[in-house]
Protein backbone atom coordinates (compact mmCIF):
# COMPACT_ATOMS: atom_id res chain seq x y z
CA MET A 1 -0.36 -0.15 0.21
CA GLN A 2 1.26 3.48 -0.73
CA ALA A 3 -0.18 6.47 1.24
CA MET A 4 0.46 10.59 1.43
CA LEU A 5 0.49 12.19 4.61
CA LEU A 6 -0.76 15.99 4.18
CA ALA A 7 1.46 18.10 6.06
CA ALA A 8 1.75 21.61 4.46
CA GLY A 9 -0.93 23.68 6.08
CA PHE A 10 -0.30 27.07 8.06
CA GLY A 11 -2.04 25.50 10.90
CA THR A 12 -3.63 29.44 11.31
CA ARG A 13 -6.68 28.39 14.07
CA LEU A 14 -3.44 27.10 16.34
CA ARG A 15 -1.76 30.64 16.34
CA PRO A 16 0.21 31.98 18.18
CA TYR A 17 1.86 28.09 18.99
CA THR A 18 2.19 27.38 14.80
CA LEU A 19 4.14 30.28 14.60
CA VAL A 20 7.13 28.35 15.95
CA ARG A 21 6.37 24.76 15.21
CA PRO A 22 3.89 23.29 12.45
CA LYS A 23 1.01 21.46 13.56
CA PRO A 24 1.77 18.04 12.69
CA LEU A 25 5.06 18.44 14.87
CA PHE A 26 2.77 19.12 18.04
CA PRO A 27 3.50 17.09 20.94
CA ILE A 28 0.83 14.47 21.81
CA CYS A 29 1.75 13.16 25.52
CA ASN A 30 5.55 14.09 24.47
CA ILE A 31 5.56 12.39 20.76
CA PRO A 32 5.06 14.43 17.56
CA LEU A 33 1.71 14.28 15.96
CA LEU A 34 3.32 13.37 12.83
CA ASP A 35 5.46 10.30 14.05
CA ILE A 36 2.25 8.92 15.67
CA LEU A 37 0.55 8.85 12.24
CA LEU A 38 3.25 7.74 9.95
CA ASP A 39 3.65 4.69 12.84
CA ARG A 40 0.09 3.90 12.17
CA LEU A 41 0.87 4.24 8.29
CA VAL A 42 3.79 2.14 8.64
CA ASP A 43 1.89 -0.76 10.89
CA ALA A 44 -0.83 -0.64 7.73
CA GLY A 45 2.00 -1.93 5.23
CA CYS A 46 2.09 1.41 3.50
CA ASP A 47 5.58 2.19 1.72
CA PRO A 48 6.28 4.81 0.20
CA ILE A 49 4.59 7.35 2.32
CA VAL A 50 4.66 10.97 0.72
CA VAL A 51 4.69 13.87 2.94
CA ASN A 52 4.56 17.28 1.91
CA CYS A 53 5.69 20.22 3.39
CA HIS A 54 5.59 24.15 2.89
CA TYR A 55 5.31 25.95 5.95
CA LEU A 56 8.15 25.92 8.50
CA ALA A 57 9.09 22.99 5.97
CA ASP A 58 12.97 22.40 7.67
CA GLN A 59 11.18 21.34 10.73
CA ILE A 60 9.17 18.66 8.80
CA LYS A 61 12.22 17.69 6.44
CA GLU A 62 14.50 17.42 10.00
CA ALA A 63 11.68 14.91 11.28
CA VAL A 64 11.29 12.27 8.66
CA GLU A 65 15.18 12.65 7.59
CA LYS A 66 15.49 9.07 9.40
CA ARG A 67 12.77 7.52 8.00
CA PRO A 68 13.29 5.53 4.78
CA GLU A 69 10.17 4.69 3.91
CA VAL A 70 9.26 8.66 3.74
CA ILE A 71 9.68 10.71 0.40
CA LEU A 72 9.54 14.48 1.31
CA GLN A 73 7.75 16.58 -1.18
CA TYR A 74 8.69 20.65 -0.61
CA GLU A 75 5.80 22.69 -2.41
CA GLU A 76 7.09 26.00 -3.16
CA GLU A 77 3.33 26.97 -2.75
CA VAL A 78 0.50 25.81 -0.77
CA LEU A 79 -1.15 23.42 -3.52
CA GLY A 80 -4.30 22.25 -1.48
CA THR A 81 -5.44 18.81 -0.66
CA GLY A 82 -5.52 17.82 -4.21
CA GLY A 83 -2.88 19.61 -5.68
CA GLY A 84 -0.47 18.21 -3.20
CA LEU A 85 -1.73 14.69 -4.06
CA ARG A 86 -1.35 15.38 -7.93
CA LYS A 87 2.50 16.58 -7.59
CA ALA A 88 2.76 13.26 -5.58
CA LEU A 89 1.81 11.33 -8.86
CA GLU A 90 5.23 10.59 -9.81
CA HIS A 91 6.17 8.65 -6.99
CA PHE A 92 3.21 6.22 -6.82
CA ASN A 93 2.36 2.99 -9.03
CA ASP A 94 -0.81 2.17 -10.46
CA GLY A 95 -2.75 0.95 -7.39
CA PRO A 96 -4.80 3.12 -4.61
CA VAL A 97 -3.29 5.54 -2.57
CA LEU A 98 -4.25 5.95 1.20
CA VAL A 99 -4.28 9.54 1.96
CA MET A 100 -4.65 11.13 5.51
CA ASN A 101 -4.65 14.34 6.98
CA GLY A 102 -1.73 15.40 9.11
CA ASP A 103 -3.62 17.23 12.05
CA ILE A 104 -5.85 14.45 13.21
CA PHE A 105 -5.28 12.01 16.00
CA HIS A 106 -6.90 8.56 15.62
CA ASP A 107 -6.97 4.73 16.21
CA ILE A 108 -8.70 3.88 13.10
CA ASP A 109 -8.00 0.59 11.67
CA LEU A 110 -7.22 1.14 8.14
CA SER A 111 -7.26 -2.41 7.05
CA HIS A 112 -11.07 -1.63 7.25
CA LEU A 113 -10.86 0.89 4.62
CA VAL A 114 -8.51 -0.78 2.51
CA THR A 115 -10.94 -3.86 2.59
CA LYS A 116 -13.62 -1.93 1.79
CA HIS A 117 -12.15 -0.11 -1.09
CA SER A 118 -10.97 -3.41 -2.98
CA THR A 119 -13.88 -4.69 -2.66
CA GLY A 120 -16.46 -2.10 -2.88
CA ASN A 121 -15.78 -1.09 -6.83
CA ASN A 122 -15.23 2.53 -5.50
CA ASP A 123 -13.29 5.00 -7.26
CA VAL A 124 -12.49 6.86 -3.71
CA THR A 125 -13.58 5.04 -0.53
CA LEU A 126 -13.87 7.55 2.63
CA ALA A 127 -13.71 6.75 6.31
CA LEU A 128 -16.45 8.30 7.74
CA HIS A 129 -18.23 8.51 11.35
CA ASP A 130 -20.94 10.18 13.09
CA TYR A 131 -19.41 13.21 14.84
CA PRO A 132 -22.15 16.20 14.97
CA ARG A 133 -19.51 18.93 15.19
CA PHE A 134 -18.34 18.30 11.58
CA ASN A 135 -21.38 16.29 9.77
CA SER A 136 -21.77 17.16 6.74
CA VAL A 137 -21.28 14.24 4.16
CA THR A 138 -24.52 12.92 2.95
CA VAL A 139 -24.72 9.02 2.35
CA HIS A 140 -27.45 6.87 1.37
CA GLN A 141 -26.87 2.79 1.33
CA GLU A 142 -23.40 2.36 0.22
CA ARG A 143 -22.71 5.48 -1.70
CA VAL A 144 -21.58 9.18 -0.78
CA ARG A 145 -23.91 11.57 -2.16
CA ASP A 146 -22.92 15.04 -1.49
CA PHE A 147 -20.59 17.20 0.57
CA LEU A 148 -22.41 20.02 2.26
CA THR A 149 -21.59 23.15 3.84
CA ARG A 150 -21.91 23.68 7.36
CA LYS A 151 -24.79 25.91 6.82
CA GLU A 152 -26.42 23.31 4.31
CA ALA A 153 -25.90 20.47 6.75
CA GLY A 154 -27.69 22.23 9.63
CA GLN A 155 -30.74 22.99 7.26
CA LYS A 156 -30.72 19.25 5.93
CA LYS A 157 -34.24 17.66 6.11
CA ASP A 158 -34.23 14.41 3.87
CA ASN A 159 -34.57 11.72 6.21
CA LYS A 160 -33.71 9.32 3.17
CA GLU A 161 -29.71 10.38 3.45
CA ILE A 162 -27.71 10.35 6.80
CA LEU A 163 -25.22 13.21 7.70
CA LEU A 164 -21.75 11.81 8.53
CA ALA A 165 -18.40 13.31 9.10
CA PHE A 166 -14.96 12.98 6.75
CA THR A 167 -12.53 12.01 8.77
CA GLY A 168 -9.92 12.89 6.56
CA ILE A 169 -8.86 9.28 5.55
CA HIS A 170 -9.41 8.16 2.12
CA LEU A 171 -8.34 5.90 -0.59
CA VAL A 172 -8.47 7.20 -4.00
CA ASN A 173 -7.51 5.41 -7.49
CA ARG A 174 -4.94 6.59 -9.68
CA GLU A 175 -7.00 7.42 -12.22
CA ILE A 176 -8.89 9.85 -10.13
CA ILE A 177 -5.74 11.63 -9.00
CA GLU A 178 -5.02 12.20 -12.97
CA GLN A 179 -7.84 14.17 -13.03
CA ILE A 180 -6.39 16.86 -10.86
CA PRO A 181 -4.99 19.83 -12.48
CA ALA A 182 -1.13 19.34 -12.64
CA GLU A 183 -0.45 22.69 -11.42
CA GLY A 184 -1.86 25.18 -9.00
CA PHE A 185 -3.96 24.88 -5.63
CA PHE A 186 -6.90 22.06 -6.03
CA HIS A 187 -9.14 21.19 -3.60
CA ILE A 188 -9.97 17.44 -3.37
CA ILE A 189 -13.55 17.51 -2.31
CA ASP A 190 -14.28 19.79 -5.17
CA LEU A 191 -13.60 16.54 -7.34
CA TYR A 192 -14.99 14.02 -4.67
CA ARG A 193 -18.51 16.19 -5.12
CA GLU A 194 -18.57 15.59 -8.73
CA LEU A 195 -17.67 11.85 -8.31
CA ALA A 196 -20.08 11.56 -5.50
CA ARG A 197 -22.91 12.61 -7.80
CA ASP A 198 -22.26 10.30 -10.46
CA GLY A 199 -22.42 7.24 -7.87
CA LYS A 200 -18.47 6.79 -7.35
CA VAL A 201 -17.61 7.31 -3.85
CA GLY A 202 -17.95 5.02 -1.20
CA PHE A 203 -17.26 4.74 2.32
CA THR A 204 -16.82 3.08 5.60
CA ARG A 205 -18.02 4.19 8.97
CA THR A 206 -15.45 4.08 11.79
CA ASP A 207 -17.93 4.57 14.30
CA GLY A 208 -16.48 3.66 18.14
CA SER A 209 -12.81 4.51 17.00
CA PHE A 210 -11.21 7.26 18.60
CA TRP A 211 -10.85 10.39 16.63
CA LYS A 212 -9.80 14.01 17.52
CA ASP A 213 -9.38 16.94 14.97
CA MET A 214 -6.75 19.29 16.50
CA GLY A 215 -7.77 22.51 15.05
CA THR A 216 -7.58 25.19 17.93
CA PRO A 217 -5.90 25.08 21.00
CA ASP A 218 -8.96 24.13 22.98
CA ASP A 219 -9.13 20.92 20.86
CA TYR A 220 -5.39 20.36 21.49
CA LEU A 221 -5.81 20.69 25.25
CA ASP A 222 -9.19 18.44 25.05
CA LEU A 223 -7.64 15.96 23.21
CA HIS A 224 -4.92 15.69 25.79
CA ARG A 225 -8.10 15.52 28.53
CA GLN A 226 -9.16 12.24 27.05
CA LEU A 227 -6.00 10.46 26.50
CA LEU A 228 -4.93 11.47 30.19
CA SER A 229 -7.94 11.56 32.31
CA ALA A 230 -8.26 7.69 32.34
CA ARG A 231 -4.54 6.90 32.88
CA THR A 232 -3.11 6.18 36.15
CA PRO A 233 -1.06 8.68 36.81
CA SER A 234 -2.95 11.33 34.89
CA TRP A 235 0.18 13.22 34.55
CA GLN A 236 2.69 12.31 31.78
CA ILE A 237 6.18 13.78 32.95
CA HIS A 238 9.39 12.98 30.70
CA GLU A 239 12.33 11.82 32.58
CA SER A 240 14.52 14.49 31.88
CA ALA A 241 12.01 16.99 33.16
CA LYS A 242 13.24 19.03 35.95
CA ILE A 243 10.53 19.48 38.74
CA GLY A 244 11.30 21.57 41.56
CA ASN A 245 10.21 21.34 45.26
CA ASN A 246 6.80 21.60 46.52
CA VAL A 247 5.27 21.57 42.90
CA GLU A 248 1.29 20.53 42.90
CA LEU A 249 0.19 18.74 39.93
CA GLN A 250 -3.75 18.73 39.56
CA ASP A 251 -6.26 16.60 37.45
CA TRP A 252 -3.91 16.01 34.18
CA GLY A 253 -1.23 17.09 31.96
CA VAL A 254 1.96 16.97 30.25
CA ILE A 255 5.72 17.76 31.01
CA GLY A 256 7.96 17.39 28.07
CA PRO A 257 11.74 16.58 27.93
CA ARG A 258 14.00 19.24 29.37
CA ALA A 259 11.14 21.27 30.70
CA VAL A 260 11.95 23.25 34.09
CA ILE A 261 9.11 23.60 36.63
CA GLY A 262 10.05 25.91 39.28
CA ASP A 263 9.75 25.67 42.94
CA ARG A 264 5.91 25.80 44.34
CA ALA A 265 4.42 26.06 40.87
CA GLN A 266 0.84 25.08 40.37
CA LEU A 267 -0.27 23.36 37.15
CA ALA A 268 -3.96 22.06 36.28
CA ARG A 269 -4.61 20.68 32.89
CA CYS A 270 -1.42 21.93 30.99
CA VAL A 271 0.52 20.88 28.51
CA ILE A 272 3.95 21.89 28.83
CA TRP A 273 6.27 21.15 25.32
CA ASP A 274 9.81 20.23 25.74
CA SER A 275 12.62 22.80 26.94
CA ALA A 276 9.76 25.36 28.28
CA GLN A 277 10.07 26.80 31.44
CA VAL A 278 7.51 27.64 34.36
CA THR A 279 8.93 30.25 37.00
CA GLY A 280 8.40 29.19 40.22
CA SER A 281 5.21 30.09 42.27
CA GLU A 282 3.55 30.10 39.11
CA GLU A 283 -0.10 29.23 39.37
CA LEU A 284 -1.21 27.69 35.36
CA VAL A 285 -4.42 26.15 34.48
CA GLU A 286 -5.58 24.98 31.02
CA LYS A 287 -2.34 26.28 29.36
CA ILE A 288 0.07 25.23 26.81
CA ILE A 289 3.25 26.60 27.83
CA ILE A 290 6.27 26.15 24.82
CA SER A 291 9.90 27.22 24.69
CA GLY A 292 10.93 30.44 23.24
CA LYS A 293 8.89 33.67 22.72
CA ILE A 294 5.20 33.50 20.50
């Protein structure tokens, strides 16, 4: 199986943190999201994996340079979810390509998507789930019918069609990628909308799997809440972190490599990045603390 991981975006909704680190490299419990997603693709048998980059590209390049399965694709301009895939076509054989957004955390079993695509006679197969915040894809029987805007989804009243959310994971045949313009920005959903209306887009449901969009700082913190609240201990502290005297840690949180927490600091529901510093007696609640200035 061949794959592409989309990692070129600006992550504007996660500013100011994305001013210093691209969203795919945000740590999730001290592991960069990019590594987590690449490991999932490798476990699914994907090789090669094209990773595109544009914004803060040097950081993405450094993150993948020791991964022989990865082909790095630098884009001088942002090409979008379709344009980047079209540019990567030279690296793929005639089989389908597994595509994954680089800003989601999930534990979806990718083998079900692969099986559904291989047996469903689809040009494209999407991984969908019921996630009310993002439900905007209409499906009926075994086919995707349309992609709606948020406003259109809110006004949908046709009971024959179900609304589901796109996980950002899909399988697409090579001949479909070839339909994307060879140059410039292109949004893949524009093509998928046309294909759906012709009955060529199938789907598999991934309800029950864990999935979280990491679009905003609140989403990022909430992801850690979901991952850590059920764990014991609920604070994940890297062995190289330096914790001062009489530090109080409440609820859940993460302290990254080489982070320094001053004496008598009080932290609750925080994510402290690598090499970040918290001064003594500081009280922080629901904060993301990074090293350097933002």
